[in-house]
Amino acid sequence: MPKHLSVEDANRTLPMVRRIVSDILATHRELVELVKEYGHLDPDLESLKAKRGELEEEMRELTDQVNRYIDELEKTGGLFKGFEGLVDFPAVLDGRPILLCWKLGEDRIEWWHEPDAGYAERQRLPAHMLERGVSAPETSEQEGQVQEESKQREGLEQEVEDSGS
């Protein structure tokens, strides 16, 4: 399991996590549409061979892009849990490992569950944990890394915006 984050540190990653998860979901939607289109092509028609080849390549590229986004998400400390926009963050509660649970559209992390449980079993974090956060031994090192990666990503996004203007 990756390093543990506090609630506070995990919440600090959310601006970047939101962008990454949104990119994952958008790319996945494109991939699903291509798979549907591919499924409607008659595999026995020789005239569609080139089109099938094009779609296969596009599907490979989109799959690779989704995987790159997931890798990027994991660098923030988040674990992608599904195309519903679910992300878990490893944490420690009372000396035992837990997963902080967040879903795209939620303002902040307010939920957790056991490592062997899932979204359906998540529980609201107690108020005192939301105020002080869940303990995380590697917090300051992780925080610095996440902040640096966030600055790099924002810088790249700004460069893209500037070049498009």
Protein backbone atom coordinates (compact mmCIF):
# COMPACT_ATOMS: atom_id res chain seq x y z
CA MET A 1 0.00 0.00 0.00
CA PRO A 2 1.32 3.52 -0.75
CA LYS A 3 2.30 6.04 1.91
CA HIS A 4 -0.33 7.18 4.36
CA LEU A 5 -1.90 10.62 4.16
CA SER A 6 -3.74 12.67 6.75
CA VAL A 7 -7.22 13.93 5.92
CA GLU A 8 -5.75 17.42 5.61
CA ASP A 9 -3.00 16.29 3.24
CA ALA A 10 -5.39 14.22 1.13
CA ASN A 11 -7.73 17.23 0.88
CA ARG A 12 -4.81 19.36 -0.33
CA THR A 13 -4.38 17.02 -3.29
CA LEU A 14 -8.01 17.34 -4.38
CA PRO A 15 -7.59 20.18 -6.92
CA MET A 16 -5.11 18.04 -8.85
CA VAL A 17 -7.00 14.81 -8.17
CA ARG A 18 -10.21 16.37 -9.54
CA ARG A 19 -8.46 17.32 -12.79
CA ILE A 20 -6.85 13.92 -13.18
CA VAL A 21 -10.06 11.99 -12.41
CA SER A 22 -12.00 14.23 -14.81
CA ASP A 23 -9.40 13.44 -17.50
CA ILE A 24 -9.66 9.71 -16.75
CA LEU A 25 -13.44 9.76 -17.04
CA ALA A 26 -13.49 11.86 -20.22
CA THR A 27 -10.91 9.63 -21.90
CA HIS A 28 -12.76 6.52 -20.76
CA ARG A 29 -16.01 7.85 -22.28
CA GLU A 30 -14.20 8.33 -25.61
CA LEU A 31 -12.86 4.79 -25.36
CA VAL A 32 -16.33 3.35 -24.65
CA GLU A 33 -17.71 5.11 -27.74
CA LEU A 34 -14.93 3.67 -29.91
CA VAL A 35 -15.54 0.19 -28.52
CA LYS A 36 -19.24 0.53 -29.42
CA GLU A 37 -18.36 1.69 -32.92
CA TYR A 38 -15.87 -1.16 -33.31
CA GLY A 39 -18.48 -3.65 -32.14
CA HIS A 40 -20.85 -2.59 -34.90
CA LEU A 41 -18.32 -3.26 -37.66
CA ASP A 42 -18.73 -6.56 -39.46
CA PRO A 43 -15.44 -8.43 -38.92
CA ASP A 44 -16.01 -10.46 -42.10
CA LEU A 45 -16.15 -7.47 -44.44
CA GLU A 46 -12.75 -6.91 -46.03
CA SER A 47 -13.75 -3.33 -46.92
CA LEU A 48 -13.86 -2.47 -43.17
CA LYS A 49 -10.43 -3.90 -42.37
CA ALA A 50 -8.72 -0.48 -42.51
CA LYS A 51 -11.42 1.11 -40.34
CA ARG A 52 -11.09 -1.69 -37.77
CA GLY A 53 -7.33 -1.16 -37.73
CA GLU A 54 -7.76 2.59 -37.16
CA LEU A 55 -10.20 2.03 -34.32
CA GLU A 56 -7.94 -0.60 -32.72
CA GLU A 57 -5.05 1.87 -32.71
CA GLU A 58 -7.21 4.66 -31.30
CA MET A 59 -8.49 2.32 -28.57
CA ARG A 60 -4.90 1.33 -27.66
CA GLU A 61 -3.89 4.99 -27.47
CA LEU A 62 -6.86 5.91 -25.26
CA THR A 63 -6.25 2.91 -23.01
CA ASP A 64 -2.61 3.95 -22.64
CA GLN A 65 -3.72 7.51 -21.83
CA VAL A 66 -6.12 6.31 -19.12
CA ASN A 67 -3.28 4.26 -17.62
CA ARG A 68 -0.96 7.29 -17.66
CA TYR A 69 -3.60 9.35 -15.85
CA ILE A 70 -4.01 6.58 -13.26
CA ASP A 71 -0.22 6.54 -12.75
CA GLU A 72 -0.31 10.32 -12.30
CA LEU A 73 -3.13 9.98 -9.76
CA GLU A 74 -1.12 7.44 -7.78
CA LYS A 75 1.74 9.94 -7.50
CA THR A 76 -0.60 12.17 -5.49
CA GLY A 77 -1.20 9.33 -3.06
CA GLY A 78 -4.65 8.49 -4.47
CA LEU A 79 -5.78 5.09 -5.68
CA PHE A 80 -8.25 5.01 -8.59
CA LYS A 81 -11.19 2.82 -7.63
CA GLY A 82 -13.62 3.10 -10.50
CA PHE A 83 -15.10 4.96 -13.40
CA GLU A 84 -17.72 6.40 -11.05
CA GLY A 85 -14.94 8.83 -10.06
CA LEU A 86 -13.91 7.01 -6.88
CA VAL A 87 -10.51 7.55 -5.26
CA ASP A 88 -9.13 6.12 -2.01
CA PHE A 89 -6.21 7.47 0.01
CA PRO A 90 -4.28 5.19 2.37
CA ALA A 91 -4.31 6.48 5.95
CA VAL A 92 -3.92 5.26 9.52
CA LEU A 93 -6.65 5.37 12.14
CA ASP A 94 -5.94 4.28 15.71
CA GLY A 95 -2.82 2.47 14.53
CA ARG A 96 -4.54 0.46 11.80
CA PRO A 97 -4.60 1.04 8.05
CA ILE A 98 -7.76 2.51 6.54
CA LEU A 99 -8.69 4.13 3.25
CA LEU A 100 -10.01 7.66 3.05
CA CYS A 101 -12.75 7.62 0.42
CA TRP A 102 -13.62 10.42 -2.03
CA LYS A 103 -15.87 10.64 -5.06
CA LEU A 104 -15.69 13.21 -7.85
CA GLY A 105 -18.19 15.94 -7.03
CA GLU A 106 -17.56 15.88 -3.29
CA ASP A 107 -16.01 19.07 -1.90
CA ARG A 108 -13.65 17.36 0.51
CA ILE A 109 -12.79 14.02 2.03
CA GLU A 110 -15.30 13.15 4.73
CA TRP A 111 -15.51 9.37 4.42
CA TRP A 112 -13.39 6.29 5.12
CA HIS A 113 -13.62 2.49 4.96
CA GLU A 114 -11.61 -0.57 5.86
CA PRO A 115 -9.03 -1.72 3.26
CA ASP A 116 -11.07 -4.84 2.46
CA ALA A 117 -14.33 -2.88 2.14
CA GLY A 118 -15.54 -0.53 -0.55
CA TYR A 119 -17.68 2.50 -1.31
CA ALA A 120 -20.89 0.86 -0.09
CA GLU A 121 -19.34 0.31 3.36
CA ARG A 122 -17.84 3.74 3.78
CA GLN A 123 -18.42 5.66 7.00
CA ARG A 124 -18.35 9.36 7.76
CA LEU A 125 -15.17 10.51 9.46
CA PRO A 126 -15.71 11.65 13.06
CA ALA A 127 -15.67 15.43 13.52
CA HIS A 128 -12.43 15.37 15.52
CA MET A 129 -10.67 13.65 12.60
CA LEU A 130 -11.92 16.20 10.12
CA GLU A 131 -10.56 18.95 12.35
CA ARG A 132 -7.15 17.49 13.13
CA GLY A 133 -6.77 14.90 10.37
CA VAL A 134 -5.76 11.25 10.51
CA SER A 135 -2.19 10.61 11.61
CA ALA A 136 0.31 10.04 8.84
CA PRO A 137 3.98 9.45 9.58
CA GLU A 138 5.21 10.49 6.12
CA THR A 139 2.93 13.52 5.81
CA SER A 140 5.41 16.38 5.44
CA GLU A 141 7.52 14.60 2.81
CA GLN A 142 4.41 13.55 0.87
CA GLU A 143 2.93 17.05 1.16
CA GLY A 144 6.04 18.63 -0.35
CA GLN A 145 6.06 16.14 -3.22
CA VAL A 146 2.36 16.67 -3.97
CA GLN A 147 2.71 20.47 -3.85
CA GLU A 148 5.71 20.35 -6.21
CA GLU A 149 3.88 18.07 -8.67
CA SER A 150 0.83 20.34 -8.47
CA LYS A 151 2.96 23.39 -9.31
CA GLN A 152 4.54 21.53 -12.24
CA ARG A 153 1.13 20.45 -13.59
CA GLU A 154 -0.31 23.95 -13.22
CA GLY A 155 2.75 25.39 -14.98
CA LEU A 156 2.29 23.00 -17.90
CA GLU A 157 -1.42 23.80 -18.09
CA GLN A 158 -0.62 27.53 -18.15
CA GLU A 159 1.95 27.00 -20.94
CA VAL A 160 -0.67 25.14 -23.00
CA GLU A 161 -3.22 27.92 -22.41
CA ASP A 162 -0.67 30.62 -23.30
CA SER A 163 0.38 28.84 -26.50
CA GLY A 164 -3.26 28.47 -27.57
CA SER A 165 -4.02 32.19 -27.16
